[in-house]
Amino acid sequence: MKLGARILKTGIAIALSLFIGQMLHSPSPVLAGISAIFAIQPTIYRSYLTIIEQIQGNIIGALCAVIFVLLLGNHFIVVGLAAIIVILLILKLKLENTIGLSLVTLISIMELQSGNFIQFAGIRFSTIMIGVFSSFLVNLIFMPPKYENKLYSKIVNTTEEIIKWIRLSTRHDYDHQLLKADIKTFKDSIQSMEQLYTMYKEERSYFKKVKLERSRKLVIYRQLNLTAKKALDTLKRLHRFENELLQLPENFKQSIQDQLDSLIYHHEQVILRFIGKVPIPSSCDKETNCIDKKELFDFYLRHVRENDDYDSPHLYHSMQIIATIIDYGEQVEHLDTLITSFHSYHQNEVSVEETHD
């Protein structure tokens, strides 16, 4: 089990909210701790949005609680009816993420108490908001997340594993069941990469130069994710249509193997080039294409002409393999162009620390 930053921040936020609640002599500081749990978020930007939404949701919960108590009392049936109304209002206003804490606010205010009810409701509402603001403060100050490092490392690790399997698949030297299981793992990794990309995208920059660099990086990371997905698509096609691949003429199979070897090597080089581990080639040395699409297509057309049955599924499946490889190659070439362009504007400005799962 790994102790992550969010777990630590949740604990700190709870402790801070309880401390502030006690310092302000709140009669129920535990409510601040509960609200801190609901309000903690993985990014500063999401934490800011949460504060805005929680304020609105808690105001709705508090107002409904006051209105129902003053008009109908605080019988448990009335509390249930008020909860239904709060949920409907929140859904109508599209504040679904605030339902839990809004209901906590409602129930805590409608709790049976003697004395000045309006003052009691104000104290309970303020105590709950202490937890919300404490979570935002913790998110702002303690352990700001470095999603770029996590994203790059996830991309590198996933892509490297996919590339290894592609290399083995072209040589038909692998365990089928193991590959099938790993393909499922790669799908989960791709989804994780997309989530990390969203987190990184939500991070905010406050200087114009950094904003410009981040906007270009976002384009590159989006393409890195897309290229990894195309590599996985290629691996899935090679695995699914292995029999069709084996039935191809020897020179055609060798061409596919050579082209894929060149393509995945180029893919590896481009990823390392992004962080400066591989130098950017000069314009005269740089290859425009990492695969020979014409050669692959010519081999396929020749294979079609030599095949008597034009309706054979074998031809359609072979076509899918070639089309997927060409698509993968074009995405790698586009990634290469983006990274080369990035370094022409931001020399030696990429600082990514690789982390390992």
Protein backbone atom coordinates (compact mmCIF):
# COMPACT_ATOMS: atom_id res chain seq x y z
CA MET A 1 0.00 0.00 0.00
CA LYS A 2 1.36 3.39 -1.03
CA LEU A 3 0.93 6.57 1.04
CA GLY A 4 0.06 9.17 -1.59
CA ALA A 5 0.00 12.95 -1.44
CA ARG A 6 -3.80 13.08 -1.47
CA ILE A 7 -4.02 10.79 1.58
CA LEU A 8 -1.60 13.02 3.48
CA LYS A 9 -3.42 16.18 2.39
CA THR A 10 -6.75 14.74 3.54
CA GLY A 11 -5.32 14.02 6.98
CA ILE A 12 -3.76 17.48 7.22
CA ALA A 13 -7.00 19.15 6.07
CA ILE A 14 -9.03 17.28 8.70
CA ALA A 15 -6.57 18.18 11.45
CA LEU A 16 -6.45 21.84 10.35
CA SER A 17 -10.23 22.18 10.18
CA LEU A 18 -10.67 20.62 13.62
CA PHE A 19 -7.99 22.92 15.03
CA ILE A 20 -9.60 26.05 13.53
CA GLY A 21 -13.02 24.92 14.73
CA GLN A 22 -11.72 24.55 18.29
CA MET A 23 -9.85 27.85 18.10
CA LEU A 24 -13.11 29.60 17.13
CA HIS A 25 -14.92 27.76 19.96
CA SER A 26 -17.32 26.02 17.61
CA PRO A 27 -19.76 23.77 19.50
CA SER A 28 -19.36 21.05 16.84
CA PRO A 29 -15.84 21.21 15.30
CA VAL A 30 -16.29 17.63 14.05
CA LEU A 31 -18.52 19.04 11.28
CA ALA A 32 -15.54 20.98 9.96
CA GLY A 33 -13.53 17.76 9.80
CA ILE A 34 -16.33 15.98 7.94
CA SER A 35 -16.65 18.77 5.37
CA ALA A 36 -12.87 18.75 4.82
CA ILE A 37 -13.15 15.12 3.65
CA PHE A 38 -15.72 16.08 1.00
CA ALA A 39 -13.79 19.13 -0.20
CA ILE A 40 -10.28 17.74 -0.76
CA GLN A 41 -9.41 17.55 -4.47
CA PRO A 42 -6.43 16.29 -6.54
CA THR A 43 -5.65 19.68 -8.14
CA ILE A 44 -5.69 23.32 -7.04
CA TYR A 45 -8.02 24.24 -9.88
CA ARG A 46 -10.52 21.54 -8.93
CA SER A 47 -10.25 22.65 -5.32
CA TYR A 48 -11.15 26.20 -6.38
CA LEU A 49 -14.16 24.93 -8.34
CA THR A 50 -15.17 22.80 -5.35
CA ILE A 51 -15.22 25.85 -3.06
CA ILE A 52 -17.53 27.71 -5.46
CA GLU A 53 -19.84 24.71 -5.80
CA GLN A 54 -19.81 23.83 -2.09
CA ILE A 55 -20.71 27.38 -1.09
CA GLN A 56 -23.73 27.25 -3.39
CA GLY A 57 -24.72 23.74 -2.31
CA ASN A 58 -24.34 24.47 1.39
CA ILE A 59 -26.35 27.69 1.11
CA ILE A 60 -29.15 25.67 -0.50
CA GLY A 61 -28.96 23.05 2.28
CA ALA A 62 -28.88 25.69 5.03
CA LEU A 63 -31.76 27.74 3.60
CA CYS A 64 -33.93 24.65 3.13
CA ALA A 65 -33.16 23.54 6.69
CA VAL A 66 -34.13 26.94 8.15
CA ILE A 67 -37.32 27.21 6.07
CA PHE A 68 -38.51 23.69 6.89
CA VAL A 69 -37.77 24.00 10.62
CA LEU A 70 -39.54 27.36 10.88
CA LEU A 71 -42.57 26.16 8.91
CA LEU A 72 -42.88 22.45 9.73
CA GLY A 73 -40.49 21.71 12.59
CA ASN A 74 -37.75 19.08 12.65
CA HIS A 75 -39.64 15.80 12.76
CA PHE A 76 -37.67 13.02 11.05
CA ILE A 77 -40.25 12.87 8.25
CA VAL A 78 -39.76 16.60 7.68
CA VAL A 79 -35.98 16.07 7.55
CA GLY A 80 -36.43 13.38 4.88
CA LEU A 81 -38.75 15.63 2.85
CA ALA A 82 -36.28 18.52 3.11
CA ALA A 83 -33.48 16.22 1.92
CA ILE A 84 -35.51 15.29 -1.18
CA ILE A 85 -36.10 18.97 -1.97
CA VAL A 86 -32.38 19.78 -1.54
CA ILE A 87 -31.34 16.95 -3.86
CA LEU A 88 -33.84 18.05 -6.51
CA LEU A 89 -32.65 21.68 -6.33
CA ILE A 90 -28.99 20.69 -6.54
CA LEU A 91 -29.61 18.41 -9.52
CA LYS A 92 -31.55 21.19 -11.21
CA LEU A 93 -28.61 23.57 -10.72
CA LYS A 94 -26.14 20.87 -11.89
CA LEU A 95 -24.20 20.83 -8.61
CA GLU A 96 -24.21 17.04 -8.24
CA ASN A 97 -20.79 16.96 -6.53
CA THR A 98 -22.17 18.93 -3.56
CA ILE A 99 -25.07 16.63 -2.68
CA GLY A 100 -23.25 14.77 0.10
CA LEU A 101 -22.01 17.83 2.00
CA SER A 102 -25.25 19.77 1.39
CA LEU A 103 -27.21 16.98 3.08
CA VAL A 104 -24.74 17.01 5.99
CA THR A 105 -25.41 20.75 6.32
CA LEU A 106 -29.18 20.18 6.16
CA ILE A 107 -29.25 17.45 8.79
CA SER A 108 -26.82 19.19 11.16
CA ILE A 109 -28.91 22.38 11.10
CA MET A 110 -32.24 20.53 11.50
CA GLU A 111 -30.92 18.71 14.55
CA LEU A 112 -33.13 19.34 17.59
CA GLN A 113 -31.72 22.24 19.58
CA SER A 114 -33.12 24.77 22.01
CA GLY A 115 -32.45 28.49 21.91
CA ASN A 116 -32.02 30.87 18.97
CA PHE A 117 -32.45 28.63 15.92
CA ILE A 118 -31.20 31.17 13.34
CA GLN A 119 -27.99 31.73 15.31
CA PHE A 120 -27.57 27.97 15.69
CA ALA A 121 -28.01 27.47 11.93
CA GLY A 122 -25.43 30.20 11.19
CA ILE A 123 -22.88 28.57 13.51
CA ARG A 124 -23.39 25.13 11.94
CA PHE A 125 -23.12 26.53 8.41
CA SER A 126 -19.94 28.47 9.29
CA THR A 127 -18.39 25.41 10.92
CA ILE A 128 -18.95 23.32 7.80
CA MET A 129 -17.45 26.04 5.58
CA ILE A 130 -14.33 26.03 7.79
CA GLY A 131 -13.63 22.50 6.57
CA VAL A 132 -14.16 23.48 2.92
CA PHE A 133 -11.75 26.43 3.14
CA SER A 134 -9.24 24.37 5.14
CA SER A 135 -9.10 21.80 2.32
CA PHE A 136 -8.52 24.53 -0.24
CA LEU A 137 -5.72 26.01 1.89
CA VAL A 138 -4.04 22.63 2.25
CA ASN A 139 -4.32 21.99 -1.50
CA LEU A 140 -2.81 25.40 -2.19
CA ILE A 141 0.16 25.14 0.18
CA PHE A 142 1.05 21.52 0.91
CA MET A 143 2.64 19.20 -1.65
CA PRO A 144 1.40 20.71 -4.92
CA PRO A 145 0.99 17.78 -7.35
CA LYS A 146 3.44 17.29 -10.23
CA TYR A 147 1.16 15.65 -12.74
CA GLU A 148 3.54 16.28 -15.63
CA ASN A 149 6.14 13.94 -14.11
CA LYS A 150 3.49 11.27 -13.46
CA LEU A 151 2.03 11.66 -16.95
CA TYR A 152 5.37 11.43 -18.75
CA SER A 153 6.46 8.40 -16.72
CA LYS A 154 3.14 6.65 -17.35
CA ILE A 155 3.44 7.31 -21.08
CA VAL A 156 7.04 6.08 -21.19
CA ASN A 157 6.43 2.92 -19.16
CA THR A 158 3.26 1.97 -21.06
CA THR A 159 4.73 2.71 -24.48
CA GLU A 160 7.90 0.73 -23.73
CA GLU A 161 5.87 -2.34 -22.77
CA ILE A 162 3.66 -2.07 -25.85
CA ILE A 163 6.72 -1.70 -28.09
CA LYS A 164 8.31 -4.83 -26.59
CA TRP A 165 5.19 -6.82 -27.42
CA ILE A 166 5.05 -5.43 -30.97
CA ARG A 167 8.66 -6.51 -31.53
CA LEU A 168 7.87 -10.02 -30.25
CA SER A 169 4.62 -10.22 -32.24
CA THR A 170 6.31 -9.57 -35.59
CA ARG A 171 8.60 -12.50 -34.83
CA HIS A 172 5.75 -14.72 -33.52
CA ASP A 173 7.75 -15.34 -30.37
CA TYR A 174 5.39 -14.80 -27.45
CA ASP A 175 2.87 -16.38 -25.08
CA HIS A 176 -0.68 -15.78 -26.36
CA GLN A 177 -2.41 -15.81 -23.00
CA LEU A 178 0.16 -13.52 -21.43
CA LEU A 179 -0.19 -11.02 -24.29
CA LYS A 180 -3.98 -11.14 -24.04
CA ALA A 181 -3.79 -10.32 -20.33
CA ASP A 182 -1.28 -7.51 -20.93
CA ILE A 183 -3.48 -5.94 -23.61
CA LYS A 184 -6.19 -5.52 -20.98
CA THR A 185 -3.62 -3.95 -18.66
CA PHE A 186 -2.53 -1.57 -21.42
CA LYS A 187 -6.12 -0.44 -21.93
CA ASP A 188 -6.30 0.49 -18.24
CA SER A 189 -2.95 2.28 -18.52
CA ILE A 190 -4.21 4.31 -21.49
CA GLN A 191 -7.24 5.40 -19.44
CA SER A 192 -4.93 6.33 -16.56
CA MET A 193 -2.81 8.39 -18.97
CA GLU A 194 -5.91 10.27 -20.12
CA GLN A 195 -6.89 11.00 -16.50
CA LEU A 196 -3.38 12.27 -15.70
CA TYR A 197 -3.50 14.42 -18.84
CA THR A 198 -6.75 15.97 -17.62
CA MET A 199 -5.16 16.66 -14.21
CA TYR A 200 -2.10 18.24 -15.83
CA LYS A 201 -4.33 20.31 -18.11
CA GLU A 202 -6.18 21.69 -15.09
CA GLU A 203 -3.00 23.00 -13.47
CA ARG A 204 -2.69 26.77 -13.79
CA SER A 205 0.33 28.92 -14.70
CA TYR A 206 0.67 32.56 -13.70
CA PHE A 207 3.46 33.78 -16.00
CA LYS A 208 3.07 34.42 -19.71
CA LYS A 209 6.25 32.56 -20.69
CA VAL A 210 5.25 29.49 -18.67
CA LYS A 211 1.71 29.60 -20.06
CA LEU A 212 3.02 29.55 -23.62
CA GLU A 213 5.34 26.64 -22.89
CA ARG A 214 2.56 24.69 -21.14
CA SER A 215 0.13 25.25 -24.00
CA ARG A 216 2.67 23.70 -26.40
CA LYS A 217 3.40 20.89 -23.94
CA LEU A 218 -0.30 20.10 -23.70
CA VAL A 219 -0.42 19.57 -27.46
CA ILE A 220 2.61 17.26 -27.26
CA TYR A 221 1.25 15.23 -24.32
CA ARG A 222 -2.07 14.83 -26.10
CA GLN A 223 -0.18 13.51 -29.13
CA LEU A 224 1.99 11.27 -26.93
CA ASN A 225 -1.20 9.71 -25.55
CA LEU A 226 -2.70 9.33 -29.01
CA THR A 227 0.48 7.75 -30.39
CA ALA A 228 0.56 5.25 -27.51
CA LYS A 229 -3.06 4.35 -28.31
CA LYS A 230 -2.13 3.81 -31.97
CA ALA A 231 0.74 1.58 -30.89
CA LEU A 232 -1.70 -0.45 -28.80
CA ASP A 233 -4.10 -0.65 -31.77
CA THR A 234 -1.24 -2.02 -33.88
CA LEU A 235 -0.41 -4.62 -31.24
CA LYS A 236 -4.06 -5.67 -31.01
CA ARG A 237 -4.26 -6.10 -34.80
CA LEU A 238 -1.07 -8.17 -34.88
CA HIS A 239 -2.42 -10.36 -32.10
CA ARG A 240 -5.92 -10.73 -33.52
CA PHE A 241 -4.82 -11.45 -37.10
CA GLU A 242 -1.72 -13.48 -36.37
CA ASN A 243 -2.85 -16.33 -38.68
CA GLU A 244 -3.39 -13.92 -41.57
CA LEU A 245 0.07 -12.49 -40.95
CA LEU A 246 1.61 -15.97 -41.07
CA GLN A 247 -0.06 -16.66 -44.43
CA LEU A 248 1.54 -13.66 -46.12
CA PRO A 249 4.46 -14.17 -48.55
CA GLU A 250 7.86 -14.19 -46.89
CA ASN A 251 9.04 -10.94 -48.47
CA PHE A 252 5.81 -9.21 -47.39
CA LYS A 253 6.18 -10.49 -43.81
CA GLN A 254 9.80 -9.39 -43.73
CA SER A 255 8.83 -5.94 -44.96
CA ILE A 256 6.23 -5.59 -42.20
CA GLN A 257 8.76 -6.69 -39.59
CA ASP A 258 11.43 -4.28 -40.87
CA GLN A 259 8.99 -1.40 -41.14
CA LEU A 260 7.65 -1.95 -37.62
CA ASP A 261 11.18 -2.28 -36.21
CA SER A 262 12.02 1.08 -37.77
CA LEU A 263 8.76 2.60 -36.57
CA ILE A 264 8.98 1.54 -32.93
CA TYR A 265 12.66 2.56 -32.80
CA HIS A 266 11.69 5.98 -34.11
CA HIS A 267 8.88 6.17 -31.55
CA GLU A 268 11.34 5.44 -28.72
CA GLN A 269 13.77 8.07 -30.01
CA VAL A 270 11.09 10.75 -30.27
CA ILE A 271 9.93 10.20 -26.68
CA LEU A 272 13.50 10.53 -25.40
CA ARG A 273 14.08 13.54 -27.66
CA PHE A 274 11.30 15.39 -25.88
CA ILE A 275 13.24 15.55 -22.59
CA GLY A 276 16.61 16.07 -24.27
CA LYS A 277 18.04 12.55 -23.84
CA VAL A 278 18.41 12.30 -27.62
CA PRO A 279 19.61 15.34 -29.61
CA ILE A 280 17.34 17.01 -32.15
CA PRO A 281 18.63 16.16 -35.65
CA SER A 282 19.42 18.98 -38.03
CA SER A 283 16.99 19.67 -40.87
CA CYS A 284 19.31 18.05 -43.44
CA ASP A 285 19.77 14.89 -41.36
CA LYS A 286 16.16 14.50 -40.27
CA GLU A 287 14.16 11.79 -42.01
CA THR A 288 10.71 12.89 -43.10
CA ASN A 289 9.15 9.43 -42.77
CA CYS A 290 9.77 6.68 -40.23
CA ILE A 291 8.16 4.02 -42.43
CA ASP A 292 7.95 3.43 -46.17
CA LYS A 293 4.18 3.55 -46.73
CA LYS A 294 4.54 3.06 -50.47
CA GLU A 295 6.49 -0.17 -50.00
CA LEU A 296 3.87 -1.60 -47.64
CA PHE A 297 1.02 -0.61 -49.92
CA ASP A 298 2.75 -2.00 -53.02
CA PHE A 299 3.31 -5.33 -51.25
CA TYR A 300 -0.35 -5.41 -50.30
CA LEU A 301 -1.55 -4.65 -53.85
CA ARG A 302 0.75 -7.33 -55.24
CA HIS A 303 -0.62 -9.78 -52.68
CA VAL A 304 -4.20 -8.90 -53.72
CA ARG A 305 -3.41 -9.48 -57.39
CA GLU A 306 -1.84 -12.85 -56.60
CA ASN A 307 -4.87 -13.93 -54.58
CA ASP A 308 -7.63 -15.51 -56.68
CA ASP A 309 -10.43 -14.98 -54.15
CA TYR A 310 -11.01 -11.23 -53.88
CA ASP A 311 -13.74 -11.78 -51.27
CA SER A 312 -11.41 -13.65 -48.94
CA PRO A 313 -11.52 -12.40 -45.31
CA HIS A 314 -7.77 -12.89 -45.32
CA LEU A 315 -7.37 -9.87 -47.64
CA TYR A 316 -9.61 -7.67 -45.50
CA HIS A 317 -7.72 -8.61 -42.36
CA SER A 318 -4.37 -8.01 -44.04
CA MET A 319 -5.62 -4.62 -45.13
CA GLN A 320 -6.48 -3.76 -41.50
CA ILE A 321 -2.95 -4.67 -40.39
CA ILE A 322 -1.35 -2.45 -43.06
CA ALA A 323 -3.77 0.43 -42.46
CA THR A 324 -3.12 0.34 -38.70
CA ILE A 325 0.66 0.33 -39.18
CA ILE A 326 0.46 3.29 -41.58
CA ASP A 327 -1.81 5.21 -39.19
CA TYR A 328 0.58 4.50 -36.31
CA GLY A 329 3.51 5.71 -38.43
CA GLU A 330 1.75 8.95 -39.32
CA GLN A 331 1.04 9.67 -35.65
CA VAL A 332 4.71 9.10 -34.76
CA GLU A 333 5.77 11.44 -37.58
CA HIS A 334 3.35 14.10 -36.34
CA LEU A 335 4.68 13.68 -32.79
CA ASP A 336 8.22 14.10 -34.13
CA THR A 337 7.20 17.34 -35.87
CA LEU A 338 5.57 18.73 -32.72
CA ILE A 339 8.57 17.95 -30.50
CA THR A 340 11.05 19.37 -33.02
CA SER A 341 8.96 22.55 -33.23
CA PHE A 342 8.73 22.73 -29.43
CA HIS A 343 12.50 22.58 -29.01
CA SER A 344 13.00 25.29 -31.60
CA TYR A 345 11.08 27.65 -29.29
CA HIS A 346 12.00 26.27 -25.87
CA GLN A 347 15.57 25.00 -25.91
CA ASN A 348 16.62 23.15 -22.75
CA GLU A 349 13.35 24.05 -21.00
CA VAL A 350 11.88 20.58 -20.56
CA SER A 351 12.38 19.37 -17.01
CA VAL A 352 10.60 16.10 -16.37
CA GLU A 353 11.58 13.78 -13.54
CA GLU A 354 10.84 10.18 -14.46
CA THR A 355 9.07 8.21 -11.77
CA HIS A 356 8.42 4.48 -11.76
CA ASP A 357 5.25 2.70 -10.66
